[in-house]
PDB file of all heavy atoms in Angstrom:
ATOM      1  N   ILE A   1     155.827 102.144  55.725  1.00  0.00           N
ATOM      2  CA  ILE A   1     155.729 101.446  57.010  1.00  0.00           C
ATOM      3  C   ILE A   1     155.900  99.940  56.839  1.00  0.00           C
ATOM      4  O   ILE A   1     156.625  99.297  57.604  1.00  0.00           O
ATOM      5  CB  ILE A   1     154.378 101.763  57.687  1.00  0.00           C
ATOM      6  CG1 ILE A   1     154.360 103.222  58.160  1.00  0.00           C
ATOM      7  CG2 ILE A   1     154.122 100.828  58.856  1.00  0.00           C
ATOM      8  CD1 ILE A   1     153.041 103.671  58.755  1.00  0.00           C
ATOM      9  N   VAL A   2     155.250  99.361  55.833  1.00  0.00           N
ATOM     10  CA  VAL A   2     155.267  97.909  55.692  1.00  0.00           C
ATOM     11  C   VAL A   2     156.653  97.405  55.310  1.00  0.00           C
ATOM     12  O   VAL A   2     156.975  96.223  55.524  1.00  0.00           O
ATOM     13  CB  VAL A   2     154.201  97.461  54.669  1.00  0.00           C
ATOM     14  CG1 VAL A   2     154.688  97.641  53.238  1.00  0.00           C
ATOM     15  CG2 VAL A   2     153.756  96.029  54.915  1.00  0.00           C
ATOM     16  N   ARG A   3     157.499  98.295  54.799  1.00  0.00           N
ATOM     17  CA  ARG A   3     158.868  97.909  54.440  1.00  0.00           C
ATOM     18  C   ARG A   3     159.880  98.259  55.527  1.00  0.00           C
ATOM     19  O   ARG A   3     161.069  97.992  55.368  1.00  0.00           O
ATOM     20  CB  ARG A   3     159.264  98.584  53.120  1.00  0.00           C
ATOM     21  CG  ARG A   3     158.528  98.029  51.908  1.00  0.00           C
ATOM     22  CD  ARG A   3     158.824  98.800  50.628  1.00  0.00           C
ATOM     23  NE  ARG A   3     158.186  98.172  49.478  1.00  0.00           N
ATOM     24  CZ  ARG A   3     156.932  98.343  49.131  1.00  0.00           C
ATOM     25  NH1 ARG A   3     156.153  99.148  49.844  1.00  0.00           N
ATOM     26  NH2 ARG A   3     156.434  97.721  48.075  1.00  0.00           N
ATOM     27  N   ASN A   4     159.409  98.838  56.613  1.00  0.00           N
ATOM     28  CA  ASN A   4     160.293  99.260  57.693  1.00  0.00           C
ATOM     29  C   ASN A   4     160.411  98.128  58.718  1.00  0.00           C
ATOM     30  O   ASN A   4     159.419  97.731  59.341  1.00  0.00           O
ATOM     31  CB  ASN A   4     159.735 100.526  58.353  1.00  0.00           C
ATOM     32  CG  ASN A   4     160.707 101.159  59.330  1.00  0.00           C
ATOM     33  OD1 ASN A   4     161.434 100.459  60.034  1.00  0.00           O
ATOM     34  ND2 ASN A   4     160.715 102.477  59.379  1.00  0.00           N
ATOM     35  N   SER A   5     161.612  97.631  58.909  1.00  0.00           N
ATOM     36  CA  SER A   5     161.809  96.470  59.774  1.00  0.00           C
ATOM     37  C   SER A   5     161.576  96.765  61.245  1.00  0.00           C
ATOM     38  O   SER A   5     161.447  95.838  62.052  1.00  0.00           O
ATOM     39  CB  SER A   5     163.221  95.912  59.589  1.00  0.00           C
ATOM     40  OG  SER A   5     164.202  96.881  59.951  1.00  0.00           O
ATOM     41  N   THR A   6     161.514  98.041  61.634  1.00  0.00           N
ATOM     42  CA  THR A   6     161.262  98.363  63.040  1.00  0.00           C
ATOM     43  C   THR A   6     159.768  98.354  63.368  1.00  0.00           C
ATOM     44  O   THR A   6     159.395  98.509  64.528  1.00  0.00           O
ATOM     45  CB  THR A   6     161.858  99.730  63.418  1.00  0.00           C
ATOM     46  OG1 THR A   6     161.162 100.771  62.720  1.00  0.00           O
ATOM     47  CG2 THR A   6     163.336  99.789  63.089  1.00  0.00           C
ATOM     48  N   PHE A   7     158.911  98.170  62.351  1.00  0.00           N
ATOM     49  CA  PHE A   7     157.469  98.055  62.548  1.00  0.00           C
ATOM     50  C   PHE A   7     157.052  96.584  62.486  1.00  0.00           C
ATOM     51  O   PHE A   7     157.576  95.826  61.676  1.00  0.00           O
ATOM     52  CB  PHE A   7     156.692  98.806  61.464  1.00  0.00           C
ATOM     53  CG  PHE A   7     156.595 100.285  61.652  1.00  0.00           C
ATOM     54  CD1 PHE A   7     157.687 101.107  61.378  1.00  0.00           C
ATOM     55  CD2 PHE A   7     155.417 100.887  62.079  1.00  0.00           C
ATOM     56  CE1 PHE A   7     157.599 102.472  61.530  1.00  0.00           C
ATOM     57  CE2 PHE A   7     155.323 102.248  62.234  1.00  0.00           C
ATOM     58  CZ  PHE A   7     156.414 103.051  61.964  1.00  0.00           C
ATOM     59  N   ALA A   8     156.112  96.209  63.330  1.00  0.00           N
ATOM     60  CA  ALA A   8     155.417  94.932  63.185  1.00  0.00           C
ATOM     61  C   ALA A   8     154.012  95.246  62.676  1.00  0.00           C
ATOM     62  O   ALA A   8     153.351  96.158  63.192  1.00  0.00           O
ATOM     63  CB  ALA A   8     155.348  94.186  64.510  1.00  0.00           C
ATOM     64  N   GLY A   9     153.578  94.519  61.666  1.00  0.00           N
ATOM     65  CA  GLY A   9     152.268  94.790  61.083  1.00  0.00           C
ATOM     66  C   GLY A   9     151.420  93.540  60.994  1.00  0.00           C
ATOM     67  O   GLY A   9     151.936  92.421  60.842  1.00  0.00           O
ATOM     68  N   PHE A  10     150.103  93.747  61.110  1.00  0.00           N
ATOM     69  CA  PHE A  10     149.154  92.630  61.044  1.00  0.00           C
ATOM     70  C   PHE A  10     148.042  92.984  60.061  1.00  0.00           C
ATOM     71  O   PHE A  10     147.534  94.105  60.061  1.00  0.00           O
ATOM     72  CB  PHE A  10     148.567  92.348  62.426  1.00  0.00           C
ATOM     73  CG  PHE A  10     149.612  91.947  63.433  1.00  0.00           C
ATOM     74  CD1 PHE A  10     150.256  92.908  64.194  1.00  0.00           C
ATOM     75  CD2 PHE A  10     149.959  90.617  63.591  1.00  0.00           C
ATOM     76  CE1 PHE A  10     151.241  92.553  65.114  1.00  0.00           C
ATOM     77  CE2 PHE A  10     150.937  90.250  64.511  1.00  0.00           C
ATOM     78  CZ  PHE A  10     151.571  91.218  65.272  1.00  0.00           C
ATOM     79  N   VAL A  11     147.672  91.997  59.260  1.00  0.00           N
ATOM     80  CA  VAL A  11     146.589  92.150  58.290  1.00  0.00           C
ATOM     81  C   VAL A  11     145.442  91.239  58.692  1.00  0.00           C
ATOM     82  O   VAL A  11     145.643  90.049  58.957  1.00  0.00           O
ATOM     83  CB  VAL A  11     147.058  91.792  56.869  1.00  0.00           C
ATOM     84  CG1 VAL A  11     145.904  91.919  55.879  1.00  0.00           C
ATOM     85  CG2 VAL A  11     148.220  92.686  56.446  1.00  0.00           C
ATOM     86  N   ALA A  12     144.246  91.813  58.772  1.00  0.00           N
ATOM     87  CA  ALA A  12     143.041  91.024  59.042  1.00  0.00           C
ATOM     88  C   ALA A  12     142.454  90.583  57.713  1.00  0.00           C
ATOM     89  O   ALA A  12     142.317  91.381  56.779  1.00  0.00           O
ATOM     90  CB  ALA A  12     142.028  91.859  59.818  1.00  0.00           C
ATOM     91  N   THR A  13     142.116  89.288  57.617  1.00  0.00           N
ATOM     92  CA  THR A  13     141.528  88.770  56.382  1.00  0.00           C
ATOM     93  C   THR A  13     140.222  88.038  56.674  1.00  0.00           C
ATOM     94  O   THR A  13     140.064  87.402  57.720  1.00  0.00           O
ATOM     95  CB  THR A  13     142.494  87.800  55.671  1.00  0.00           C
ATOM     96  OG1 THR A  13     142.667  86.614  56.458  1.00  0.00           O
ATOM     97  CG2 THR A  13     143.843  88.460  55.428  1.00  0.00           C
ATOM     98  N   LEU A  14     139.309  88.133  55.740  1.00  0.00           N
ATOM     99  CA  LEU A  14     138.062  87.365  55.735  1.00  0.00           C
ATOM    100  C   LEU A  14     137.972  86.676  54.391  1.00  0.00           C
ATOM    101  O   LEU A  14     138.033  87.345  53.341  1.00  0.00           O
ATOM    102  CB  LEU A  14     136.859  88.279  55.957  1.00  0.00           C
ATOM    103  CG  LEU A  14     136.643  88.833  57.371  1.00  0.00           C
ATOM    104  CD1 LEU A  14     135.523  89.877  57.370  1.00  0.00           C
ATOM    105  CD2 LEU A  14     136.314  87.702  58.347  1.00  0.00           C
ATOM    106  N   ASP A  15     137.863  85.356  54.397  1.00  0.00           N
ATOM    107  CA  ASP A  15     137.844  84.570  53.155  1.00  0.00           C
ATOM    108  C   ASP A  15     139.044  84.893  52.275  1.00  0.00           C
ATOM    109  O   ASP A  15     138.938  84.981  51.045  1.00  0.00           O
ATOM    110  CB  ASP A  15     136.545  84.834  52.375  1.00  0.00           C
ATOM    111  CG  ASP A  15     135.318  84.353  53.135  1.00  0.00           C
ATOM    112  OD1 ASP A  15     135.437  83.357  53.870  1.00  0.00           O
ATOM    113  OD2 ASP A  15     134.247  84.979  52.982  1.00  0.00           O
ATOM    114  N   GLY A  16     140.185  85.122  52.920  1.00  0.00           N
ATOM    115  CA  GLY A  16     141.410  85.391  52.192  1.00  0.00           C
ATOM    116  C   GLY A  16     141.560  86.810  51.685  1.00  0.00           C
ATOM    117  O   GLY A  16     142.578  87.149  51.064  1.00  0.00           O
ATOM    118  N   LYS A  17     140.596  87.678  51.944  1.00  0.00           N
ATOM    119  CA  LYS A  17     140.636  89.059  51.472  1.00  0.00           C
ATOM    120  C   LYS A  17     141.020  89.984  52.614  1.00  0.00           C
ATOM    121  O   LYS A  17     140.461  89.910  53.709  1.00  0.00           O
ATOM    122  CB  LYS A  17     139.266  89.458  50.916  1.00  0.00           C
ATOM    123  CG  LYS A  17     139.188  90.907  50.456  1.00  0.00           C
ATOM    124  CD  LYS A  17     137.781  91.252  50.001  1.00  0.00           C
ATOM    125  CE  LYS A  17     137.660  92.724  49.617  1.00  0.00           C
ATOM    126  NZ  LYS A  17     136.269  93.069  49.229  1.00  0.00           N
ATOM    127  N   ALA A  18     141.958  90.880  52.354  1.00  0.00           N
ATOM    128  CA  ALA A  18     142.375  91.838  53.374  1.00  0.00           C
ATOM    129  C   ALA A  18     141.244  92.816  53.668  1.00  0.00           C
ATOM    130  O   ALA A  18     140.655  93.396  52.751  1.00  0.00           O
ATOM    131  CB  ALA A  18     143.603  92.611  52.903  1.00  0.00           C
ATOM    132  N   VAL A  19     140.938  92.989  54.979  1.00  0.00           N
ATOM    133  CA  VAL A  19     139.863  93.895  55.372  1.00  0.00           C
ATOM    134  C   VAL A  19     140.322  94.915  56.423  1.00  0.00           C
ATOM    135  O   VAL A  19     139.519  95.711  56.896  1.00  0.00           O
ATOM    136  CB  VAL A  19     138.644  93.109  55.913  1.00  0.00           C
ATOM    137  CG1 VAL A  19     138.032  92.247  54.814  1.00  0.00           C
ATOM    138  CG2 VAL A  19     139.032  92.265  57.121  1.00  0.00           C
ATOM    139  N   GLY A  20     141.597  94.884  56.754  1.00  0.00           N
ATOM    140  CA  GLY A  20     142.093  95.848  57.729  1.00  0.00           C
ATOM    141  C   GLY A  20     143.536  95.560  58.086  1.00  0.00           C
ATOM    142  O   GLY A  20     144.091  94.512  57.729  1.00  0.00           O
ATOM    143  N   SER A  21     144.150  96.503  58.809  1.00  0.00           N
ATOM    144  CA  SER A  21     145.535  96.306  59.231  1.00  0.00           C
ATOM    145  C   SER A  21     145.839  97.192  60.424  1.00  0.00           C
ATOM    146  O   SER A  21     145.123  98.159  60.711  1.00  0.00           O
ATOM    147  CB  SER A  21     146.504  96.624  58.087  1.00  0.00           C
ATOM    148  OG  SER A  21     146.410  97.984  57.695  1.00  0.00           O
ATOM    149  N   ASN A  22     146.921  96.842  61.095  1.00  0.00           N
ATOM    150  CA  ASN A  22     147.421  97.651  62.205  1.00  0.00           C
ATOM    151  C   ASN A  22     148.922  97.451  62.294  1.00  0.00           C
ATOM    152  O   ASN A  22     149.444  96.393  61.928  1.00  0.00           O
ATOM    153  CB  ASN A  22     146.756  97.262  63.523  1.00  0.00           C
ATOM    154  CG  ASN A  22     146.935  98.307  64.615  1.00  0.00           C
ATOM    155  OD1 ASN A  22     147.369  99.419  64.347  1.00  0.00           O
ATOM    156  ND2 ASN A  22     146.586  97.969  65.836  1.00  0.00           N
ATOM    157  N   PHE A  23     149.621  98.483  62.799  1.00  0.00           N
ATOM    158  CA  PHE A  23     151.072  98.454  62.889  1.00  0.00           C
ATOM    159  C   PHE A  23     151.511  98.967  64.255  1.00  0.00           C
ATOM    160  O   PHE A  23     150.796  99.744  64.901  1.00  0.00           O
ATOM    161  CB  PHE A  23     151.704  99.315  61.793  1.00  0.00           C
ATOM    162  CG  PHE A  23     151.390  98.847  60.401  1.00  0.00           C
ATOM    163  CD1 PHE A  23     150.251  99.288  59.739  1.00  0.00           C
ATOM    164  CD2 PHE A  23     152.227  97.954  59.751  1.00  0.00           C
ATOM    165  CE1 PHE A  23     149.947  98.846  58.458  1.00  0.00           C
ATOM    166  CE2 PHE A  23     151.942  97.508  58.470  1.00  0.00           C
ATOM    167  CZ  PHE A  23     150.794  97.951  57.824  1.00  0.00           C
ATOM    168  N   ILE A  24     152.689  98.537  64.672  1.00  0.00           N
ATOM    169  CA  ILE A  24     153.285  99.053  65.899  1.00  0.00           C
ATOM    170  C   ILE A  24     154.776  99.239  65.665  1.00  0.00           C
ATOM    171  O   ILE A  24     155.450  98.340  65.142  1.00  0.00           O
ATOM    172  CB  ILE A  24     152.991  98.135  67.100  1.00  0.00           C
ATOM    173  CG1 ILE A  24     153.577  98.720  68.389  1.00  0.00           C
ATOM    174  CG2 ILE A  24     153.461  96.719  66.861  1.00  0.00           C
ATOM    175  CD1 ILE A  24     153.080  98.052  69.664  1.00  0.00           C
ATOM    176  N   ALA A  25     155.288 100.405  66.017  1.00  0.00           N
ATOM    177  CA  ALA A  25     156.694 100.744  65.817  1.00  0.00           C
ATOM    178  C   ALA A  25     157.497 100.442  67.070  1.00  0.00           C
ATOM    179  O   ALA A  25     157.125 100.852  68.174  1.00  0.00           O
ATOM    180  CB  ALA A  25     156.833 102.224  65.453  1.00  0.00           C
ATOM    181  N   PHE A  26     158.604  99.734  66.885  1.00  0.00           N
ATOM    182  CA  PHE A  26     159.532  99.445  67.974  1.00  0.00           C
ATOM    183  C   PHE A  26     160.871 100.125  67.714  1.00  0.00           C
ATOM    184  O   PHE A  26     161.929  99.596  68.038  1.00  0.00           O
ATOM    185  CB  PHE A  26     159.717  97.939  68.120  1.00  0.00           C
ATOM    186  CG  PHE A  26     158.469  97.205  68.547  1.00  0.00           C
ATOM    187  CD1 PHE A  26     157.729  96.468  67.634  1.00  0.00           C
ATOM    188  CD2 PHE A  26     158.030  97.271  69.856  1.00  0.00           C
ATOM    189  CE1 PHE A  26     156.583  95.788  68.025  1.00  0.00           C
ATOM    190  CE2 PHE A  26     156.872  96.604  70.264  1.00  0.00           C
ATOM    191  CZ  PHE A  26     156.152  95.860  69.340  1.00  0.00           C
ATOM    192  N   THR A  27     160.813 101.309  67.119  1.00  0.00           N
ATOM    193  CA  THR A  27     162.027 102.038  66.756  1.00  0.00           C
ATOM    194  C   THR A  27     162.853 102.400  67.975  1.00  0.00           C
ATOM    195  O   THR A  27     164.082 102.317  67.959  1.00  0.00           O
ATOM    196  CB  THR A  27     161.656 103.305  65.970  1.00  0.00           C
ATOM    197  OG1 THR A  27     160.690 102.988  64.967  1.00  0.00           O
ATOM    198  CG2 THR A  27     162.881 103.911  65.310  1.00  0.00           C
ATOM    199  N   ASP A  28     162.187 102.835  69.033  1.00  0.00           N
ATOM    200  CA  ASP A  28     162.835 103.260  70.271  1.00  0.00           C
ATOM    201  C   ASP A  28     162.132 102.573  71.445  1.00  0.00           C
ATOM    202  O   ASP A  28     161.184 101.800  71.235  1.00  0.00           O
ATOM    203  CB  ASP A  28     162.799 104.788  70.383  1.00  0.00           C
ATOM    204  CG  ASP A  28     163.823 105.461  69.472  1.00  0.00           C
ATOM    205  OD1 ASP A  28     164.998 105.061  69.506  1.00  0.00           O
ATOM    206  OD2 ASP A  28     163.438 106.383  68.721  1.00  0.00           O
ATOM    207  N   PRO A  29     162.528 102.833  72.700  1.00  0.00           N
ATOM    208  CA  PRO A  29     161.966 102.080  73.833  1.00  0.00           C
ATOM    209  C   PRO A  29     160.466 102.194  74.026  1.00  0.00           C
ATOM    210  O   PRO A  29     159.848 101.282  74.579  1.00  0.00           O
ATOM    211  CB  PRO A  29     162.718 102.667  75.042  1.00  0.00           C
ATOM    212  CG  PRO A  29     164.015 103.125  74.489  1.00  0.00           C
ATOM    213  CD  PRO A  29     163.687 103.650  73.123  1.00  0.00           C
ATOM    214  N   VAL A  30     159.849 103.305  73.599  1.00  0.00           N
ATOM    215  CA  VAL A  30     158.396 103.452  73.694  1.00  0.00           C
ATOM    216  C   VAL A  30     157.786 103.106  72.340  1.00  0.00           C
ATOM    217  O   VAL A  30     158.136 103.704  71.321  1.00  0.00           O
ATOM    218  CB  VAL A  30     158.005 104.874  74.111  1.00  0.00           C
ATOM    219  CG1 VAL A  30     156.492 105.030  74.141  1.00  0.00           C
ATOM    220  CG2 VAL A  30     158.592 105.209  75.478  1.00  0.00           C
ATOM    221  N   ALA A  31     156.871 102.143  72.312  1.00  0.00           N
ATOM    222  CA  ALA A  31     156.268 101.695  71.062  1.00  0.00           C
ATOM    223  C   ALA A  31     155.100 102.595  70.678  1.00  0.00           C
ATOM    224  O   ALA A  31     154.359 103.085  71.537  1.00  0.00           O
ATOM    225  CB  ALA A  31     155.796 100.249  71.191  1.00  0.00           C
ATOM    226  N   GLY A  32     154.924 102.797  69.379  1.00  0.00           N
ATOM    227  CA  GLY A  32     153.825 103.612  68.870  1.00  0.00           C
ATOM    228  C   GLY A  32     152.931 102.818  67.944  1.00  0.00           C
ATOM    229  O   GLY A  32     153.423 102.114  67.051  1.00  0.00           O
ATOM    230  N   VAL A  33     151.614 102.932  68.131  1.00  0.00           N
ATOM    231  CA  VAL A  33     150.639 102.148  67.369  1.00  0.00           C
ATOM    232  C   VAL A  33     150.043 102.968  66.225  1.00  0.00           C
ATOM    233  O   VAL A  33     149.710 104.136  66.391  1.00  0.00           O
ATOM    234  CB  VAL A  33     149.501 101.658  68.285  1.00  0.00           C
ATOM    235  CG1 VAL A  33     148.415 100.942  67.467  1.00  0.00           C
ATOM    236  CG2 VAL A  33     150.047 100.723  69.364  1.00  0.00           C
ATOM    237  N   GLY A  34     149.865 102.318  65.084  1.00  0.00           N
ATOM    238  CA  GLY A  34     149.121 102.916  63.993  1.00  0.00           C
ATOM    239  C   GLY A  34     149.894 102.930  62.677  1.00  0.00           C
ATOM    240  O   GLY A  34     151.084 102.650  62.654  1.00  0.00           O
ATOM    241  N   PRO A  35     149.173 103.225  61.588  1.00  0.00           N
ATOM    242  CA  PRO A  35     147.726 103.433  61.559  1.00  0.00           C
ATOM    243  C   PRO A  35     146.948 102.119  61.629  1.00  0.00           C
ATOM    244  O   PRO A  35     147.376 101.121  61.065  1.00  0.00           O
ATOM    245  CB  PRO A  35     147.505 104.122  60.203  1.00  0.00           C
ATOM    246  CG  PRO A  35     148.613 103.581  59.336  1.00  0.00           C
ATOM    247  CD  PRO A  35     149.797 103.408  60.249  1.00  0.00           C
ATOM    248  N   ILE A  36     145.808 102.165  62.322  1.00  0.00           N
ATOM    249  CA  ILE A  36     144.886 101.040  62.336  1.00  0.00           C
ATOM    250  C   ILE A  36     143.696 101.421  61.466  1.00  0.00           C
ATOM    251  O   ILE A  36     143.115 102.501  61.633  1.00  0.00           O
ATOM    252  CB  ILE A  36     144.428 100.671  63.766  1.00  0.00           C
ATOM    253  CG1 ILE A  36     143.403  99.533  63.719  1.00  0.00           C
ATOM    254  CG2 ILE A  36     143.912 101.871  64.544  1.00  0.00           C
ATOM    255  CD1 ILE A  36     143.051  98.955  65.077  1.00  0.00           C
ATOM    256  N   THR A  37     143.377 100.560  60.511  1.00  0.00           N
ATOM    257  CA  THR A  37     142.256 100.847  59.609  1.00  0.00           C
ATOM    258  C   THR A  37     141.480  99.568  59.327  1.00  0.00           C
ATOM    259  O   THR A  37     142.058  98.477  59.264  1.00  0.00           O
ATOM    260  CB  THR A  37     142.734 101.445  58.266  1.00  0.00           C
ATOM    261  OG1 THR A  37     143.688 100.569  57.660  1.00  0.00           O
ATOM    262  CG2 THR A  37     143.360 102.810  58.471  1.00  0.00           C
ATOM    263  N   VAL A  38     140.170  99.733  59.163  1.00  0.00           N
ATOM    264  CA  VAL A  38     139.278  98.621  58.837  1.00  0.00           C
ATOM    265  C   VAL A  38     138.413  99.048  57.660  1.00  0.00           C
ATOM    266  O   VAL A  38     137.886 100.168  57.638  1.00  0.00           O
ATOM    267  CB  VAL A  38     138.387  98.243  60.041  1.00  0.00           C
ATOM    268  CG1 VAL A  38     137.415  97.133  59.652  1.00  0.00           C
ATOM    269  CG2 VAL A  38     139.242  97.813  61.226  1.00  0.00           C
ATOM    270  N   ASP A  39     138.274  98.168  56.689  1.00  0.00           N
ATOM    271  CA  ASP A  39     137.434  98.441  55.529  1.00  0.00           C
ATOM    272  C   ASP A  39     136.046  98.868  56.011  1.00  0.00           C
ATOM    273  O   ASP A  39     135.448  98.201  56.871  1.00  0.00           O
ATOM    274  CB  ASP A  39     137.321  97.174  54.680  1.00  0.00           C
ATOM    275  CG  ASP A  39     136.670  97.437  53.335  1.00  0.00           C
ATOM    276  OD1 ASP A  39     135.515  97.923  53.323  1.00  0.00           O
ATOM    277  OD2 ASP A  39     137.295  97.140  52.316  1.00  0.00           O
ATOM    278  N   PRO A  40     135.508  99.998  55.505  1.00  0.00           N
ATOM    279  CA  PRO A  40     134.189 100.469  55.970  1.00  0.00           C
ATOM    280  C   PRO A  40     133.098  99.415  55.880  1.00  0.00           C
ATOM    281  O   PRO A  40     132.177  99.391  56.712  1.00  0.00           O
ATOM    282  CB  PRO A  40     133.901 101.655  55.040  1.00  0.00           C
ATOM    283  CG  PRO A  40     135.261 102.173  54.669  1.00  0.00           C
ATOM    284  CD  PRO A  40     136.121 100.943  54.554  1.00  0.00           C
ATOM    285  N   SER A  41     133.202  98.502  54.936  1.00  0.00           N
ATOM    286  CA  SER A  41     132.164  97.469  54.788  1.00  0.00           C
ATOM    287  C   SER A  41     132.263  96.382  55.845  1.00  0.00           C
ATOM    288  O   SER A  41     131.340  95.563  55.981  1.00  0.00           O
ATOM    289  CB  SER A  41     132.260  96.831  53.396  1.00  0.00           C
ATOM    290  OG  SER A  41     133.467  96.089  53.263  1.00  0.00           O
ATOM    291  N   CYS A  42     133.356  96.360  56.609  1.00  0.00           N
ATOM    292  CA  CYS A  42     133.558  95.307  57.607  1.00  0.00           C
ATOM    293  C   CYS A  42     133.630  95.842  59.029  1.00  0.00           C
ATOM    294  O   CYS A  42     133.982  95.102  59.954  1.00  0.00           O
ATOM    295  CB  CYS A  42     134.843  94.533  57.292  1.00  0.00           C
ATOM    296  SG  CYS A  42     134.791  93.625  55.743  1.00  0.00           S
ATOM    297  N   GLN A  43     133.336  97.113  59.205  1.00  0.00           N
ATOM    298  CA  GLN A  43     133.413  97.685  60.548  1.00  0.00           C
ATOM    299  C   GLN A  43     132.266  97.171  61.409  1.00  0.00           C
ATOM    300  O   GLN A  43     131.200  96.836  60.912  1.00  0.00           O
ATOM    301  CB  GLN A  43     133.423  99.211  60.460  1.00  0.00           C
ATOM    302  CG  GLN A  43     134.706  99.742  59.827  1.00  0.00           C
ATOM    303  CD  GLN A  43     134.708 101.235  59.602  1.00  0.00           C
ATOM    304  OE1 GLN A  43     133.775 101.941  59.991  1.00  0.00           O
ATOM    305  NE2 GLN A  43     135.762 101.750  58.976  1.00  0.00           N
ATOM    306  N   GLY A  44     132.521  97.098  62.731  1.00  0.00           N
ATOM    307  CA  GLY A  44     131.521  96.596  63.647  1.00  0.00           C
ATOM    308  C   GLY A  44     131.465  95.087  63.735  1.00  0.00           C
ATOM    309  O   GLY A  44     130.512  94.524  64.289  1.00  0.00           O
TER     310      GLY A  44
END
C-alpha cells in the first residue's frame, strides 16, 4: 500500500516515533479508507 501511488497515507508521530497510520485509495471514483491502526499503547 505505501508504495502504491493511488493511495494517500498518513503517519501519526509522537516525539518523532510512529504510533499509527491511515490510508485512503483513490484508484477509482469512490475512495476507500484503510487500514487505520494505532499502537495499542497510544490508543485513547
